[in-house]
Amino acid sequence: MMAFISWVVFGFVVGVIARFLIPGPHPMGFIMTTLLGVAGSFLGGWLWSMYRGGPVDVAEPASWLGSIVGAVLLLLIYGFLKKRDG
């Protein structure tokens, strides 16, 4: 149960940082921000493991950076798709 709570908090923090780094309005609440951060963590971890050729150690500062980069990429893709629809 503690691991789940840690993932939620980590995802929320990463999602908030990603939303702060990308200018403009991002109409999403707590749940979407958390999901953005968690999904960004998975994407960033996957990209980092592909780059390094091995698993990612979560204690590395690069794992935070990879998570934030993944979340920013997802937020940019979301914004692009949202702009195309509207």
Foldseek 3Di string as FASTA:
>chain_A
DVVVVVLQVQLLVLLVVLCVVDDDDDPDDSVVSSVLLNQLLVQLQVVVCVVVVHGDDCVDPSSSVSSNVSSNVVVVVVVVVVVVVD
